[in-house]
Protein backbone atom coordinates (compact mmCIF):
# COMPACT_ATOMS: atom_id res chain seq x y z
CA UNK A 1 0.00 0.00 0.00
CA UNK A 2 1.36 3.41 -0.92
CA UNK A 3 2.39 5.57 2.03
CA UNK A 4 0.31 8.76 1.89
CA UNK A 5 1.74 10.28 5.05
CA UNK A 6 3.41 13.59 4.02
CA UNK A 7 6.07 13.14 6.71
CA UNK A 8 7.35 10.08 4.90
CA UNK A 9 8.80 12.40 2.26
CA UNK A 10 11.19 13.92 4.78
CA UNK A 11 14.77 12.73 4.58
CA UNK A 12 15.50 9.64 6.66
CA UNK A 13 17.95 6.80 6.32
CA UNK A 14 15.69 3.80 5.57
CA UNK A 15 18.14 1.51 7.38
CA UNK A 16 18.09 3.28 10.74
CA UNK A 17 14.78 1.72 11.79
CA UNK A 18 13.10 5.10 12.38
CA UNK A 19 9.88 5.94 10.53
CA UNK A 20 9.10 9.58 9.69
CA UNK A 21 5.41 10.17 10.36
CA UNK A 22 2.83 12.72 11.50
CA UNK A 23 0.75 10.02 13.23
CA UNK A 24 1.91 8.99 16.68
CA UNK A 25 1.79 5.34 17.72
CA UNK A 26 -0.71 4.39 20.40
CA UNK A 27 2.00 3.86 23.01
CA UNK A 28 5.59 4.95 23.58
CA UNK A 29 8.23 3.12 25.59
CA UNK A 30 9.76 6.02 27.52
CA UNK A 31 7.22 8.86 27.40
CA UNK A 32 6.19 8.44 31.05
CA UNK A 33 9.82 8.55 32.21
CA UNK A 34 10.51 11.73 30.25
CA UNK A 35 7.38 13.29 31.74
CA UNK A 36 8.48 12.35 35.26
CA UNK A 37 11.94 13.83 34.69
CA UNK A 38 10.42 17.06 33.35
CA UNK A 39 8.07 17.55 36.32
CA UNK A 40 10.77 16.61 38.86
CA UNK A 41 13.24 19.16 37.48
CA UNK A 42 10.51 21.79 37.28
CA UNK A 43 9.48 21.41 40.92
CA UNK A 44 12.99 21.07 42.31
CA UNK A 45 14.18 24.14 40.40
CA UNK A 46 11.34 26.18 41.86
CA UNK A 47 11.82 24.87 45.41
CA UNK A 48 15.61 24.86 45.70
CA UNK A 49 16.83 27.40 43.18
CA UNK A 50 14.20 30.13 43.15
CA UNK A 51 14.95 31.55 46.60
CA UNK A 52 18.61 32.39 46.02
CA UNK A 53 20.35 35.09 44.00
CA UNK A 54 23.98 34.52 43.14
CA UNK A 55 26.52 36.09 40.80
CA UNK A 56 29.37 35.45 38.42
CA UNK A 57 32.27 37.86 37.94
CA UNK A 58 33.31 38.21 34.28
CA UNK A 59 36.68 40.01 34.30
CA UNK A 60 36.79 40.59 30.55
CA UNK A 61 33.37 42.32 30.44
CA UNK A 62 33.79 45.93 29.20
CA UNK A 63 33.68 48.41 32.06
CA UNK A 64 30.41 50.28 32.29
CA UNK A 65 28.49 48.08 29.85
CA UNK A 66 24.93 47.14 30.71
CA UNK A 67 23.65 44.90 32.25
CA UNK A 68 26.81 44.46 34.38
CA UNK A 69 28.70 47.78 34.55
CA UNK A 70 31.23 46.31 36.98
CA UNK A 71 31.39 42.89 35.29
CA UNK A 72 29.29 41.17 37.96
CA UNK A 73 26.28 39.32 36.53
CA UNK A 74 23.50 38.66 39.05
CA UNK A 75 21.19 35.73 38.39
CA UNK A 76 18.85 33.34 40.14
CA UNK A 77 20.58 30.13 41.19
CA UNK A 78 17.71 28.09 39.79
CA UNK A 79 18.66 28.83 36.19
CA UNK A 80 21.59 26.43 36.51
CA UNK A 81 19.09 23.57 36.52
CA UNK A 82 15.77 25.01 35.32
CA UNK A 83 16.95 25.07 31.67
CA UNK A 84 17.24 21.28 31.89
CA UNK A 85 13.46 21.41 31.87
CA UNK A 86 13.61 23.24 28.55
CA UNK A 87 16.03 20.62 27.22
CA UNK A 88 13.56 17.91 28.19
CA UNK A 89 10.76 20.04 26.75
CA UNK A 90 12.65 20.13 23.44
CA UNK A 91 13.14 16.37 23.62
CA UNK A 92 9.43 15.90 24.29
CA UNK A 93 8.37 17.90 21.24
CA UNK A 94 11.09 16.47 19.01
CA UNK A 95 10.38 12.85 19.90
CA UNK A 96 6.73 12.76 20.94
CA UNK A 97 5.22 15.74 19.12
CA UNK A 98 3.41 18.87 20.28
CA UNK A 99 0.29 17.05 21.49
CA UNK A 100 2.23 14.87 23.93
CA UNK A 101 4.33 17.86 25.03
CA UNK A 102 1.10 19.79 25.64
CA UNK A 103 -0.05 17.10 28.06
CA UNK A 104 3.23 17.32 29.99
CA UNK A 105 3.03 21.12 30.18
CA UNK A 106 -0.43 20.89 31.71
CA UNK A 107 0.77 18.24 34.18
CA UNK A 108 3.69 20.50 35.12
CA UNK A 109 1.36 23.48 35.54
CA UNK A 110 -0.91 21.45 37.81
CA UNK A 111 2.09 20.31 39.84
CA UNK A 112 3.24 23.92 40.28
CA UNK A 113 -0.23 24.98 41.41
CA UNK A 114 -0.29 22.18 43.97
CA UNK A 115 3.23 23.12 45.10
CA UNK A 116 2.11 26.70 45.68
CA UNK A 117 -1.02 25.53 47.54
CA UNK A 118 0.90 23.08 49.74
CA UNK A 119 3.60 25.67 50.51
CA UNK A 120 0.96 28.19 51.56
CA UNK A 121 -0.85 25.72 53.85
CA UNK A 122 2.30 24.32 55.47
CA UNK A 123 3.91 27.71 56.15
CA UNK A 124 0.61 29.08 57.49
CA UNK A 125 0.20 26.30 60.07
CA UNK A 126 1.17 27.45 63.60
CA UNK A 127 4.60 26.10 64.57
CA UNK A 128 5.09 24.01 67.70
CA UNK A 129 6.86 26.03 70.38
CA UNK A 130 9.66 23.49 70.85
CA UNK A 131 10.49 23.28 67.16
CA UNK A 132 14.08 24.46 66.77
CA UNK A 133 16.46 24.65 63.86
CA UNK A 134 18.73 21.74 64.63
CA UNK A 135 19.29 18.45 62.91
CA UNK A 136 19.41 16.77 66.32
CA UNK A 137 15.72 17.48 66.94
CA UNK A 138 13.91 19.14 69.84
CA UNK A 139 16.17 20.93 72.25
CA UNK A 140 19.29 20.41 70.12
CA UNK A 141 21.93 22.99 69.46
CA UNK A 142 20.64 25.76 67.26
CA UNK A 143 22.74 27.08 64.39
CA UNK A 144 24.22 30.58 64.46
CA UNK A 145 22.25 33.49 63.04
CA UNK A 146 23.47 36.55 61.19
CA UNK A 147 21.03 38.81 63.05
CA UNK A 148 21.89 40.65 66.23
CA UNK A 149 18.32 40.45 67.47
CA UNK A 150 18.54 39.56 71.19
CA UNK A 151 15.15 37.86 70.96
CA UNK A 152 16.80 34.91 69.22
CA UNK A 153 20.19 34.60 70.96
CA UNK A 154 20.35 30.85 70.47
CA UNK A 155 20.09 30.91 66.69
CA UNK A 156 17.63 31.16 63.86
CA UNK A 157 13.93 30.52 64.40
CA UNK A 158 12.68 27.66 62.25
CA UNK A 159 9.36 29.23 61.26
CA UNK A 160 11.15 32.32 59.95
CA UNK A 161 13.75 30.36 58.04
CA UNK A 162 11.09 27.97 56.73
CA UNK A 163 9.00 30.86 55.43
CA UNK A 164 12.05 32.48 53.83
CA UNK A 165 12.56 29.36 51.71
CA UNK A 166 9.06 28.04 51.06
CA UNK A 167 6.95 31.15 51.49
CA UNK A 168 6.18 33.23 48.39
CA UNK A 169 4.03 36.27 47.73
CA UNK A 170 0.99 35.87 45.50
CA UNK A 171 2.78 37.89 42.81
CA UNK A 172 5.70 35.47 42.61
CA UNK A 173 3.37 32.46 42.54
CA UNK A 174 1.21 33.92 39.76
CA UNK A 175 4.27 35.10 37.83
CA UNK A 176 6.03 31.74 38.10
CA UNK A 177 3.07 29.63 37.00
CA UNK A 178 1.99 31.98 34.20
CA UNK A 179 5.53 32.44 32.87
CA UNK A 180 6.18 28.70 32.86
CA UNK A 181 2.88 27.92 31.11
CA UNK A 182 3.29 30.55 28.41
CA UNK A 183 7.02 30.03 27.91
CA UNK A 184 6.76 26.26 27.59
CA UNK A 185 3.93 26.40 25.07
CA UNK A 186 5.80 28.96 22.97
CA UNK A 187 8.96 26.86 23.21
CA UNK A 188 7.12 23.71 22.08
CA UNK A 189 5.27 25.53 19.29
CA UNK A 190 8.47 27.03 17.85
CA UNK A 191 10.25 23.68 18.18
CA UNK A 192 7.49 21.82 16.31
CA UNK A 193 7.17 24.41 13.54
CA UNK A 194 10.92 24.67 12.99
CA UNK A 195 11.16 20.88 12.73
CA UNK A 196 8.76 20.94 9.79
CA UNK A 197 10.48 23.96 8.20
CA UNK A 198 13.92 22.34 8.46
CA UNK A 199 12.56 18.91 7.45
CA UNK A 200 14.04 17.43 10.59
CA UNK A 201 17.57 18.66 9.89
CA UNK A 202 19.80 20.90 12.03
CA UNK A 203 18.35 20.02 15.43
CA UNK A 204 20.52 22.66 17.08
CA UNK A 205 18.76 25.50 15.25
CA UNK A 206 15.39 24.62 16.72
CA UNK A 207 16.58 23.72 20.22
CA UNK A 208 18.40 27.04 20.58
CA UNK A 209 15.82 28.99 18.56
CA UNK A 210 12.87 27.68 20.57
CA UNK A 211 14.66 28.40 23.85
CA UNK A 212 15.57 31.89 22.64
CA UNK A 213 11.88 32.67 22.08
CA UNK A 214 10.35 30.56 24.85
CA UNK A 215 12.70 31.76 27.58
CA UNK A 216 12.21 35.31 26.30
CA UNK A 217 8.45 35.00 26.88
CA UNK A 218 9.09 33.38 30.27
CA UNK A 219 11.37 36.20 31.42
CA UNK A 220 9.16 38.97 30.00
CA UNK A 221 6.27 37.69 32.09
CA UNK A 222 7.96 36.53 35.29
CA UNK A 223 10.21 39.43 36.33
CA UNK A 224 7.83 42.37 35.73
CA UNK A 225 4.84 40.55 37.28
CA UNK A 226 6.84 39.33 40.28
CA UNK A 227 9.07 42.30 41.04
CA UNK A 228 7.99 45.49 39.22
CA UNK A 229 7.42 48.14 41.88
CA UNK A 230 9.36 46.10 44.43
CA UNK A 231 12.72 46.23 42.70
CA UNK A 232 13.86 49.26 40.76
CA UNK A 233 13.02 49.23 37.07
CA UNK A 234 16.73 48.97 36.28
CA UNK A 235 17.10 45.92 38.56
CA UNK A 236 14.09 44.21 36.95
CA UNK A 237 15.47 44.80 33.45
CA UNK A 238 19.00 43.78 34.42
CA UNK A 239 18.05 40.49 36.07
CA UNK A 240 15.48 39.74 33.33
CA UNK A 241 17.97 40.17 30.49
CA UNK A 242 20.82 38.47 32.35
CA UNK A 243 18.75 35.42 33.24
CA UNK A 244 17.32 35.13 29.72
CA UNK A 245 20.79 35.37 28.15
CA UNK A 246 22.31 32.83 30.55
CA UNK A 247 19.45 30.37 29.91
CA UNK A 248 19.95 30.59 26.15
CA UNK A 249 23.72 30.19 26.49
CA UNK A 250 23.21 27.24 28.83
CA UNK A 251 20.87 25.64 26.29
CA UNK A 252 23.53 26.06 23.60
CA UNK A 253 26.17 24.49 25.87
CA UNK A 254 23.87 21.51 26.46
CA UNK A 255 23.31 20.95 22.73
CA UNK A 256 25.54 17.82 22.60
CA UNK A 257 23.53 16.33 25.48
CA UNK A 258 20.28 17.10 23.66
CA UNK A 259 21.59 15.45 20.49
CA UNK A 260 22.61 12.32 22.39
CA UNK A 261 19.26 11.99 24.18
CA UNK A 262 17.21 12.71 21.04
CA UNK A 263 19.12 10.23 18.89
CA UNK A 264 18.89 7.50 21.49
CA UNK A 265 15.18 8.01 22.14
CA UNK A 266 14.31 8.15 18.44
CA UNK A 267 15.96 4.80 17.92
CA UNK A 268 14.24 3.38 21.00
CA UNK A 269 10.78 4.65 19.99
CA UNK A 270 11.27 3.93 16.27
CA UNK A 271 9.45 7.03 15.01
CA UNK A 272 10.27 10.59 14.01
CA UNK A 273 7.15 12.73 14.49
CA UNK A 274 6.34 15.81 12.43
CA UNK A 275 3.48 18.10 13.48
CA UNK A 276 1.95 18.61 10.05
CA UNK A 277 -1.74 18.64 10.96
CA UNK A 278 -1.58 19.29 14.70
CA UNK A 279 -3.98 21.59 16.52
CA UNK A 280 -1.57 23.90 18.35
CA UNK A 281 -4.14 25.34 20.75
CA UNK A 282 -3.01 24.85 24.36
CA UNK A 283 -6.57 23.76 25.15
CA UNK A 284 -6.98 21.15 22.41
CA UNK A 285 -7.01 17.44 23.08
CA UNK A 286 -3.63 16.00 23.97
CA UNK A 287 -4.41 12.81 22.11
CA UNK A 288 -2.79 13.07 18.66
CA UNK A 289 -3.90 11.17 15.61
CA UNK A 290 -2.59 7.64 15.77
CA UNK A 291 -1.22 5.45 13.04
């Protein structure tokens, strides 16, 4: 029977065991594992990395140039690992198509909403009076504190330190969830479209290109919504541009890793999906047409 699938016309080595198609198989071997990795990195990046600002000193940066006039680039520590989520997002769209990636984005969004809800409830619960910041448990030695407040001579108070890590304002929560949702959908859309335009060639152009656009949308939403009016306008713009640039550079650095994962998964799944007739609405069904 003649193959009428337009994706079959795209260049593929017929001996590599991978079929170019726009119709996903009913099941995949590793889709659930990729989804789990995506959601795990997303949540851990928001829990561990979001609360800390750090910096890198670039000695060769021209003096006085924005966004680091003194050569010190300030960025959120979470961006060291959060872009791994974009790498996996690229892998999801490249291997499993936009429809399957859409399902994962919604799962990730739901997980972030639950994380925000759980954090709010747990931090709002009244702390037990004997709860102290010590690994040894109740009554153990408390760690030193940087404050000179005589009210806490023995060390930090656990409720305060707990809130400083897990507590977030409503603006940061809304900004984080909205920026992730919009940025990931834009990233996946650009990735899927560029794959068709390039006929599956030059993977690096679409992984970097989709991150360039997707992370741009993410940063444009997150930093103004979360911090405008709290930080100075210059600080918002500086951190926004710096974080966006570092994420894109980090994605480019990880290109060999992306290639290795994509090539291995394509061989394992046996298909190369092209989104030729996909409904790209974020609210469409996540069940693509099957072969």
